[in-house]
N, C-alpha and C. Protein backbone atom coordinates (compact mmCIF):
# COMPACT_ATOMS: atom_id res chain seq x y z
N UNK A 1 -100.90 90.26 250.28
CA UNK A 1 -101.20 88.95 249.97
C UNK A 1 -100.04 88.55 248.90
N UNK A 2 -99.53 87.25 248.97
CA UNK A 2 -98.37 87.12 248.05
C UNK A 2 -98.90 86.41 247.03
N UNK A 3 -98.14 86.98 245.90
CA UNK A 3 -98.54 86.85 244.46
C UNK A 3 -97.71 86.13 243.68
N UNK A 4 -97.82 85.15 242.83
CA UNK A 4 -96.58 84.44 242.26
C UNK A 4 -96.72 85.20 240.89
N UNK A 5 -95.54 85.57 240.01
CA UNK A 5 -95.51 86.30 238.90
C UNK A 5 -94.36 85.65 238.10
N UNK A 6 -94.60 85.63 236.74
CA UNK A 6 -93.73 84.92 235.65
C UNK A 6 -93.35 86.19 234.87
N UNK A 7 -92.04 85.94 234.50
CA UNK A 7 -91.18 86.84 233.42
C UNK A 7 -90.48 85.80 232.49
N UNK A 8 -90.38 86.20 231.50
CA UNK A 8 -89.22 85.59 230.41
C UNK A 8 -88.04 86.42 230.53
N UNK A 9 -86.87 85.65 230.35
CA UNK A 9 -85.51 86.49 230.51
C UNK A 9 -84.75 85.99 229.23
N UNK A 10 -84.37 86.84 228.42
CA UNK A 10 -83.36 86.41 227.42
C UNK A 10 -81.96 86.65 227.80
N UNK A 11 -81.02 85.72 226.90
CA UNK A 11 -79.42 86.31 227.23
C UNK A 11 -78.86 85.31 228.18
N UNK A 12 -79.40 84.50 228.82
CA UNK A 12 -79.17 83.74 229.85
C UNK A 12 -78.68 82.08 229.13
N UNK A 13 -77.30 82.10 229.71
CA UNK A 13 -77.06 80.69 228.70
C UNK A 13 -76.51 79.52 229.82
N UNK A 14 -76.16 79.85 231.25
CA UNK A 14 -75.79 78.91 232.08
C UNK A 14 -76.12 79.04 233.56
N UNK A 15 -75.74 78.23 234.30
CA UNK A 15 -76.34 78.33 235.84
C UNK A 15 -75.49 79.53 236.45
N UNK A 16 -74.38 80.18 236.08
CA UNK A 16 -73.96 81.07 236.65
C UNK A 16 -74.90 82.64 236.58
N UNK A 17 -75.27 82.33 235.27
CA UNK A 17 -76.41 83.45 234.87
C UNK A 17 -77.39 83.38 235.70
N UNK A 18 -77.99 82.27 235.85
CA UNK A 18 -79.33 81.82 237.12
C UNK A 18 -79.06 82.25 238.23
N UNK A 19 -77.83 81.92 238.77
CA UNK A 19 -77.21 82.51 240.05
C UNK A 19 -77.17 83.89 240.37
N UNK A 20 -76.57 84.86 239.15
CA UNK A 20 -76.59 86.41 239.29
C UNK A 20 -77.81 86.62 239.54
N UNK A 21 -78.82 86.40 238.35
CA UNK A 21 -80.20 87.06 238.38
C UNK A 21 -81.02 86.60 239.79
N UNK A 22 -80.71 85.32 240.34
CA UNK A 22 -81.80 85.00 241.22
C UNK A 22 -81.13 86.00 242.58
N UNK A 23 -79.89 86.07 242.92
CA UNK A 23 -79.89 87.16 243.89
C UNK A 23 -79.94 88.28 243.78
N UNK A 24 -79.85 88.87 242.32
CA UNK A 24 -80.41 90.27 242.34
C UNK A 24 -82.12 90.53 242.56
N UNK A 25 -82.54 89.71 242.04
CA UNK A 25 -84.02 89.68 242.11
C UNK A 25 -84.40 89.26 243.66
N UNK A 26 -83.74 88.31 244.20
CA UNK A 26 -84.02 88.12 245.62
C UNK A 26 -83.81 89.28 246.64
N UNK A 27 -82.78 89.92 246.37
CA UNK A 27 -82.69 90.93 247.08
C UNK A 27 -83.68 92.36 247.10
N UNK A 28 -84.56 92.31 246.36
CA UNK A 28 -85.76 93.35 246.01
C UNK A 28 -86.59 93.24 247.22
N UNK A 29 -87.07 94.15 247.69
CA UNK A 29 -88.25 94.24 248.75
C UNK A 29 -89.29 93.61 248.39
N UNK A 30 -89.96 92.63 249.43
CA UNK A 30 -91.06 91.75 249.26
C UNK A 30 -90.97 90.25 248.43
N UNK A 31 -89.81 90.21 247.78
CA UNK A 31 -89.75 89.09 246.97
C UNK A 31 -89.20 87.99 248.08
N UNK A 32 -89.92 86.85 248.02
CA UNK A 32 -89.51 85.85 249.18
C UNK A 32 -89.11 84.40 248.43
N UNK A 33 -89.27 84.43 246.87
CA UNK A 33 -88.94 82.96 246.50
C UNK A 33 -88.69 83.30 245.16
N UNK A 34 -87.37 82.96 244.53
CA UNK A 34 -87.24 83.09 242.81
C UNK A 34 -86.93 81.46 242.09
N UNK A 35 -87.44 81.23 241.09
CA UNK A 35 -87.09 80.17 240.64
C UNK A 35 -87.12 80.43 239.21
N UNK A 36 -85.56 80.01 238.54
CA UNK A 36 -85.63 80.11 237.09
C UNK A 36 -85.14 78.88 236.39
N UNK A 37 -85.77 78.71 235.33
CA UNK A 37 -85.83 77.48 234.29
C UNK A 37 -85.19 77.93 232.97
N UNK A 38 -84.10 77.53 233.05
CA UNK A 38 -82.97 78.05 232.12
C UNK A 38 -83.31 77.49 230.66
N UNK A 39 -83.38 78.09 229.84
CA UNK A 39 -83.56 77.71 228.21
C UNK A 39 -82.13 78.40 227.54
N UNK A 40 -81.26 77.67 227.51
CA UNK A 40 -79.65 78.10 227.16
C UNK A 40 -80.09 79.02 225.81
N UNK A 41 -79.96 80.10 225.67
CA UNK A 41 -79.99 80.74 224.44
C UNK A 41 -81.47 81.42 223.99
N UNK A 42 -82.12 80.63 224.82
CA UNK A 42 -83.76 81.26 224.33
C UNK A 42 -84.18 81.50 225.54
N UNK A 43 -85.37 81.78 225.61
CA UNK A 43 -86.12 82.63 226.92
C UNK A 43 -86.66 81.63 227.99
N UNK A 44 -85.74 82.26 228.91
CA UNK A 44 -85.95 81.20 230.05
C UNK A 44 -87.04 81.99 231.24
N UNK A 45 -87.51 81.12 232.18
CA UNK A 45 -88.70 81.41 232.51
C UNK A 45 -88.18 81.66 234.17
N UNK A 46 -88.67 82.89 234.48
CA UNK A 46 -88.43 83.07 236.06
C UNK A 46 -89.91 83.16 236.78
N UNK A 47 -89.93 82.61 237.53
CA UNK A 47 -91.00 82.54 238.76
C UNK A 47 -90.58 83.37 240.15
N UNK A 48 -91.50 84.15 240.45
CA UNK A 48 -91.02 84.66 241.62
C UNK A 48 -92.32 85.10 242.66
N UNK A 49 -92.13 84.92 244.00
CA UNK A 49 -93.16 85.14 244.74
C UNK A 49 -92.83 86.49 245.46
N UNK A 50 -93.76 87.38 245.39
CA UNK A 50 -93.68 88.58 246.01
C UNK A 50 -95.00 89.22 246.80
N UNK A 51 -94.87 89.86 248.04
CA UNK A 51 -95.88 90.41 248.79
C UNK A 51 -96.24 91.47 248.05
N UNK A 52 -97.66 91.58 247.91
CA UNK A 52 -98.37 92.38 247.02
C UNK A 52 -97.82 92.64 245.74
N UNK A 53 -97.54 91.89 245.27
CA UNK A 53 -97.01 91.98 243.41
C UNK A 53 -95.48 92.93 243.92
N UNK A 54 -95.04 93.30 242.39
CA UNK A 54 -93.63 93.88 242.68
C UNK A 54 -93.78 94.80 241.31
N UNK A 55 -93.15 95.86 241.43
CA UNK A 55 -93.37 96.80 240.15
C UNK A 55 -92.22 96.10 238.94
N UNK A 56 -92.91 95.92 237.75
CA UNK A 56 -91.80 95.46 236.76
C UNK A 56 -90.67 95.99 236.54
N UNK A 57 -90.81 97.36 236.58
CA UNK A 57 -89.48 98.34 236.55
C UNK A 57 -88.31 97.77 237.34
N UNK A 58 -88.70 97.47 238.64
CA UNK A 58 -88.01 97.05 239.53
C UNK A 58 -87.39 95.63 239.40
N UNK A 59 -87.81 94.73 238.76
CA UNK A 59 -87.63 93.57 237.93
C UNK A 59 -86.68 93.53 237.19
N UNK A 60 -87.22 94.44 236.15
CA UNK A 60 -86.13 94.38 234.88
C UNK A 60 -84.76 95.33 235.22
N UNK A 61 -84.84 96.09 236.09
CA UNK A 61 -83.52 96.84 236.63
C UNK A 61 -82.72 95.72 237.26
N UNK A 62 -83.21 94.88 238.43
CA UNK A 62 -82.44 93.85 238.76
C UNK A 62 -81.93 92.68 237.99
N UNK A 63 -82.62 92.31 237.13
CA UNK A 63 -82.15 91.67 235.83
C UNK A 63 -81.05 92.38 235.11
N UNK A 64 -81.20 93.57 234.73
CA UNK A 64 -80.10 94.14 234.09
C UNK A 64 -78.91 94.20 235.03
N UNK A 65 -79.26 94.42 236.27
CA UNK A 65 -77.74 94.84 236.82
C UNK A 65 -77.07 93.28 237.16
N UNK A 66 -77.68 92.12 236.97
CA UNK A 66 -77.12 90.91 237.33
C UNK A 66 -76.19 90.53 235.97
N UNK A 67 -76.46 91.26 234.65
CA UNK A 67 -75.68 91.11 233.66
C UNK A 67 -76.39 91.77 232.07
N UNK A 68 -76.11 91.06 231.20
CA UNK A 68 -76.56 91.60 229.81
C UNK A 68 -78.20 90.73 229.25
N UNK A 69 -78.74 90.81 230.47
CA UNK A 69 -80.05 89.88 230.28
C UNK A 69 -81.51 90.74 229.85
N UNK A 70 -82.39 90.44 229.43
CA UNK A 70 -83.63 91.24 229.28
C UNK A 70 -84.56 90.69 229.84
N UNK A 71 -84.87 91.25 230.75
CA UNK A 71 -86.48 90.55 231.34
C UNK A 71 -87.80 91.01 230.39
N UNK A 72 -88.77 90.08 230.14
CA UNK A 72 -89.87 90.32 229.62
C UNK A 72 -91.00 90.16 230.54
N UNK A 73 -92.19 91.00 230.65
CA UNK A 73 -93.19 91.22 231.01
C UNK A 73 -94.29 89.85 230.72
N UNK A 74 -94.92 88.86 231.61
CA UNK A 74 -95.81 88.18 230.98
C UNK A 74 -96.92 88.26 231.48
């Protein structure tokens, strides 16, 4: 069953940040859609759709791999 999950991300400042994180998170198994509402210098909101949910540690690692960003579980 597909679930919609929300995470906060800090450290993002531009569209390139959004693109990098979107690519890394989209590559995770089961993730079918990623949307990020950028808040420059604040806490951006990432919403993703994943089949049967997804382990936060995998999301956190993908966000960190994209750059110096920190994922926050919601």
